[in-house]
Amino acid sequence: MAYDWVGSETTWKDVHTRRSGVAYAWSERPEGPYHRHPVPILRNDAPAREPILGKYNRLYGSTLVRRSRDWLLLTLTDSGPYFAWASSA
């Protein structure tokens, strides 16, 4: 399972620079119990310093896709003031 996460101090105004991002948890059954991985997959404070493709600085809304030998993570991105969106893999 991939999910968005934020620190308790994060607001919409500073979501690009505070603790937030994309993380994952796993389970052997759909109903759980789930085990959260201790390290996030992506953190929004890193793209805030150096935007992805020079433009995108917030990562959210991820989906995991099962492939034949591994998993693919699709993550929505936005650019804040430019109001542009993309999907990154």
N, C-alpha and C. Protein backbone atom coordinates (compact mmCIF):
# COMPACT_ATOMS: atom_id res chain seq x y z
N MET A 1 0.84 -1.16 0.00
CA MET A 1 0.00 0.00 0.00
C MET A 1 0.90 1.23 0.00
N ALA A 2 0.65 2.16 -0.89
CA ALA A 2 1.34 3.44 -0.90
C ALA A 2 0.38 4.48 -0.34
N TYR A 3 0.92 5.45 0.40
CA TYR A 3 0.05 6.47 1.00
C TYR A 3 0.81 7.79 1.19
N ASP A 4 0.06 8.89 1.27
CA ASP A 4 0.63 10.19 1.57
C ASP A 4 0.83 10.30 3.07
N TRP A 5 1.81 11.06 3.49
CA TRP A 5 2.03 11.29 4.92
C TRP A 5 2.46 12.75 5.12
N VAL A 6 2.16 13.26 6.28
CA VAL A 6 2.58 14.62 6.67
C VAL A 6 2.91 14.62 8.15
N GLY A 7 3.78 15.52 8.54
CA GLY A 7 4.06 15.73 9.95
C GLY A 7 2.93 16.54 10.56
N SER A 8 2.76 16.45 11.85
CA SER A 8 1.64 17.13 12.51
C SER A 8 1.72 18.65 12.39
N GLU A 9 2.90 19.20 12.15
CA GLU A 9 3.06 20.64 12.04
C GLU A 9 2.83 21.18 10.62
N THR A 10 2.63 20.30 9.65
CA THR A 10 2.51 20.70 8.25
C THR A 10 1.15 21.36 7.97
N THR A 11 1.17 22.43 7.17
CA THR A 11 -0.04 23.10 6.71
C THR A 11 -0.02 23.13 5.18
N TRP A 12 -1.15 23.48 4.55
CA TRP A 12 -1.19 23.59 3.09
C TRP A 12 -0.21 24.66 2.60
N LYS A 13 0.00 25.68 3.39
CA LYS A 13 0.90 26.78 2.99
C LYS A 13 2.36 26.32 2.89
N ASP A 14 2.79 25.42 3.77
CA ASP A 14 4.19 25.00 3.77
C ASP A 14 4.41 23.52 3.45
N VAL A 15 3.44 22.89 2.80
CA VAL A 15 3.54 21.44 2.51
C VAL A 15 4.75 21.12 1.63
N HIS A 16 5.22 22.08 0.84
CA HIS A 16 6.36 21.82 -0.04
C HIS A 16 7.69 21.80 0.71
N THR A 17 7.75 22.42 1.87
CA THR A 17 9.02 22.53 2.57
C THR A 17 9.05 21.80 3.90
N ARG A 18 7.93 21.31 4.36
CA ARG A 18 7.88 20.61 5.65
C ARG A 18 7.89 19.11 5.44
N ARG A 19 7.84 18.39 6.52
CA ARG A 19 7.86 16.93 6.47
C ARG A 19 6.56 16.38 5.89
N SER A 20 6.63 15.90 4.67
CA SER A 20 5.50 15.24 4.01
C SER A 20 6.05 14.46 2.83
N GLY A 21 5.22 13.61 2.23
CA GLY A 21 5.68 12.85 1.08
C GLY A 21 4.87 11.58 0.85
N VAL A 22 5.53 10.57 0.31
CA VAL A 22 4.91 9.30 -0.05
C VAL A 22 5.64 8.18 0.69
N ALA A 23 4.89 7.26 1.26
CA ALA A 23 5.47 6.13 1.99
C ALA A 23 4.72 4.86 1.62
N TYR A 24 5.17 3.73 2.18
CA TYR A 24 4.45 2.48 1.91
C TYR A 24 4.44 1.58 3.13
N ALA A 25 3.46 0.69 3.11
CA ALA A 25 3.32 -0.33 4.15
C ALA A 25 2.99 -1.64 3.43
N TRP A 26 3.25 -2.75 4.08
CA TRP A 26 2.97 -4.05 3.46
C TRP A 26 2.24 -4.95 4.44
N SER A 27 1.56 -5.93 3.86
CA SER A 27 0.83 -6.91 4.64
C SER A 27 0.74 -8.20 3.84
N GLU A 28 0.61 -9.29 4.53
CA GLU A 28 0.44 -10.56 3.83
C GLU A 28 -1.00 -10.80 3.44
N ARG A 29 -1.92 -10.00 4.01
CA ARG A 29 -3.36 -10.11 3.70
C ARG A 29 -3.95 -8.71 3.52
N PRO A 30 -4.94 -8.55 2.67
CA PRO A 30 -5.54 -7.22 2.45
C PRO A 30 -6.09 -6.58 3.72
N GLU A 31 -6.58 -7.39 4.64
CA GLU A 31 -7.17 -6.83 5.86
C GLU A 31 -6.12 -6.53 6.94
N GLY A 32 -4.84 -6.79 6.65
CA GLY A 32 -3.77 -6.46 7.60
C GLY A 32 -3.43 -7.63 8.49
N PRO A 33 -2.60 -7.39 9.45
CA PRO A 33 -2.07 -6.10 9.87
C PRO A 33 -1.00 -5.58 8.90
N TYR A 34 -0.89 -4.25 8.80
CA TYR A 34 0.09 -3.61 7.93
C TYR A 34 1.35 -3.24 8.70
N HIS A 35 2.47 -3.30 8.01
CA HIS A 35 3.77 -2.96 8.59
C HIS A 35 4.35 -1.80 7.80
N ARG A 36 4.44 -0.66 8.44
CA ARG A 36 4.94 0.55 7.78
C ARG A 36 6.45 0.47 7.63
N HIS A 37 6.93 0.78 6.42
CA HIS A 37 8.37 0.83 6.20
C HIS A 37 8.92 2.07 6.93
N PRO A 38 10.05 1.96 7.61
CA PRO A 38 10.54 3.06 8.44
C PRO A 38 11.05 4.28 7.67
N VAL A 39 11.35 4.13 6.38
CA VAL A 39 11.87 5.23 5.58
C VAL A 39 10.87 5.56 4.47
N PRO A 40 10.46 6.83 4.31
CA PRO A 40 9.54 7.18 3.22
C PRO A 40 10.16 6.92 1.85
N ILE A 41 9.31 6.68 0.86
CA ILE A 41 9.79 6.52 -0.51
C ILE A 41 10.26 7.87 -1.04
N LEU A 42 9.43 8.89 -0.85
CA LEU A 42 9.72 10.24 -1.33
C LEU A 42 9.40 11.25 -0.25
N ARG A 43 10.21 12.29 -0.17
CA ARG A 43 9.97 13.38 0.79
C ARG A 43 9.80 14.67 0.01
N ASN A 44 8.81 15.46 0.35
CA ASN A 44 8.56 16.71 -0.37
C ASN A 44 9.57 17.81 -0.07
N ASP A 45 10.33 17.70 1.00
CA ASP A 45 11.30 18.76 1.27
C ASP A 45 12.51 18.69 0.32
N ALA A 46 12.80 17.53 -0.27
CA ALA A 46 13.91 17.44 -1.24
C ALA A 46 13.55 18.10 -2.57
N PRO A 47 12.39 17.79 -3.21
CA PRO A 47 12.03 18.49 -4.45
C PRO A 47 11.81 19.99 -4.24
N ALA A 48 11.48 20.41 -3.02
CA ALA A 48 11.31 21.84 -2.76
C ALA A 48 12.63 22.57 -2.94
N ARG A 49 13.74 21.92 -2.60
CA ARG A 49 15.06 22.53 -2.78
C ARG A 49 15.51 22.45 -4.23
N GLU A 50 15.23 21.34 -4.89
CA GLU A 50 15.62 21.15 -6.28
C GLU A 50 14.46 20.47 -7.01
N PRO A 51 13.54 21.25 -7.60
CA PRO A 51 12.33 20.68 -8.21
C PRO A 51 12.63 19.64 -9.28
N ILE A 52 11.78 18.63 -9.36
CA ILE A 52 11.88 17.59 -10.38
C ILE A 52 11.61 18.23 -11.73
N LEU A 53 12.48 17.98 -12.70
CA LEU A 53 12.41 18.57 -14.04
C LEU A 53 12.38 20.10 -13.97
N GLY A 54 12.92 20.65 -12.89
CA GLY A 54 12.98 22.09 -12.74
C GLY A 54 11.65 22.75 -12.42
N LYS A 55 10.59 21.97 -12.18
CA LYS A 55 9.26 22.55 -12.00
C LYS A 55 8.44 21.94 -10.88
N TYR A 56 8.43 20.62 -10.75
CA TYR A 56 7.51 19.94 -9.84
C TYR A 56 8.11 19.79 -8.45
N ASN A 57 7.35 20.21 -7.43
CA ASN A 57 7.92 20.21 -6.09
C ASN A 57 7.03 19.59 -5.01
N ARG A 58 5.93 18.95 -5.38
CA ARG A 58 5.12 18.24 -4.39
C ARG A 58 4.69 16.90 -4.96
N LEU A 59 4.86 15.85 -4.18
CA LEU A 59 4.53 14.49 -4.59
C LEU A 59 3.40 13.98 -3.72
N TYR A 60 2.39 13.36 -4.32
CA TYR A 60 1.22 12.90 -3.57
C TYR A 60 0.41 11.92 -4.42
N GLY A 61 -0.60 11.32 -3.83
CA GLY A 61 -1.57 10.48 -4.56
C GLY A 61 -0.94 9.31 -5.30
N SER A 62 -0.15 8.51 -4.62
CA SER A 62 0.55 7.41 -5.29
C SER A 62 -0.31 6.16 -5.44
N THR A 63 0.04 5.36 -6.44
CA THR A 63 -0.61 4.08 -6.71
C THR A 63 0.47 3.06 -7.01
N LEU A 64 0.35 1.87 -6.45
CA LEU A 64 1.26 0.77 -6.76
C LEU A 64 0.64 -0.10 -7.85
N VAL A 65 1.44 -0.46 -8.85
CA VAL A 65 0.98 -1.31 -9.94
C VAL A 65 1.88 -2.55 -9.97
N ARG A 66 1.26 -3.71 -9.90
CA ARG A 66 2.01 -4.97 -9.94
C ARG A 66 2.43 -5.26 -11.37
N ARG A 67 3.72 -5.54 -11.57
CA ARG A 67 4.23 -5.95 -12.87
C ARG A 67 4.67 -7.41 -12.76
N SER A 68 5.18 -7.99 -13.82
CA SER A 68 5.50 -9.41 -13.80
C SER A 68 6.59 -9.76 -12.79
N ARG A 69 7.58 -8.88 -12.58
CA ARG A 69 8.68 -9.21 -11.67
C ARG A 69 8.87 -8.21 -10.54
N ASP A 70 8.11 -7.12 -10.56
CA ASP A 70 8.28 -6.11 -9.52
C ASP A 70 7.04 -5.23 -9.43
N TRP A 71 7.17 -4.13 -8.72
CA TRP A 71 6.07 -3.18 -8.55
C TRP A 71 6.49 -1.83 -9.12
N LEU A 72 5.53 -1.10 -9.68
CA LEU A 72 5.76 0.24 -10.21
C LEU A 72 4.97 1.23 -9.36
N LEU A 73 5.60 2.30 -8.92
CA LEU A 73 4.94 3.33 -8.13
C LEU A 73 4.68 4.53 -9.03
N LEU A 74 3.40 4.87 -9.22
CA LEU A 74 3.01 6.06 -9.97
C LEU A 74 2.63 7.13 -8.96
N THR A 75 3.21 8.31 -9.09
CA THR A 75 3.00 9.38 -8.12
C THR A 75 2.62 10.66 -8.83
N LEU A 76 1.54 11.30 -8.38
CA LEU A 76 1.16 12.60 -8.92
C LEU A 76 2.10 13.66 -8.38
N THR A 77 2.36 14.66 -9.20
CA THR A 77 3.21 15.77 -8.78
C THR A 77 2.52 17.07 -9.15
N ASP A 78 2.84 18.15 -8.45
CA ASP A 78 2.36 19.46 -8.88
C ASP A 78 3.46 20.49 -8.66
N SER A 79 3.23 21.66 -9.22
CA SER A 79 4.27 22.68 -9.21
C SER A 79 3.88 23.89 -8.39
N GLY A 80 2.87 23.77 -7.55
CA GLY A 80 2.50 24.88 -6.67
C GLY A 80 2.01 26.09 -7.43
N PRO A 81 2.82 27.15 -7.51
CA PRO A 81 2.33 28.40 -8.10
C PRO A 81 2.02 28.31 -9.59
N TYR A 82 2.55 27.32 -10.30
CA TYR A 82 2.29 27.20 -11.73
C TYR A 82 1.03 26.39 -12.04
N PHE A 83 0.47 25.74 -11.03
CA PHE A 83 -0.75 24.93 -11.20
C PHE A 83 -0.62 23.94 -12.35
N ALA A 84 0.49 23.23 -12.39
CA ALA A 84 0.70 22.20 -13.40
C ALA A 84 0.82 20.85 -12.69
N TRP A 85 0.33 19.81 -13.32
CA TRP A 85 0.37 18.48 -12.73
C TRP A 85 1.07 17.51 -13.68
N ALA A 86 1.58 16.42 -13.10
CA ALA A 86 2.23 15.37 -13.89
C ALA A 86 2.13 14.07 -13.11
N SER A 87 2.48 12.99 -13.76
CA SER A 87 2.59 11.71 -13.09
C SER A 87 4.01 11.21 -13.31
N SER A 88 4.67 10.81 -12.23
CA SER A 88 6.05 10.33 -12.37
C SER A 88 6.11 8.86 -11.95
N ALA A 89 7.01 8.15 -12.54
CA ALA A 89 7.20 6.73 -12.24
C ALA A 89 8.60 6.48 -11.77
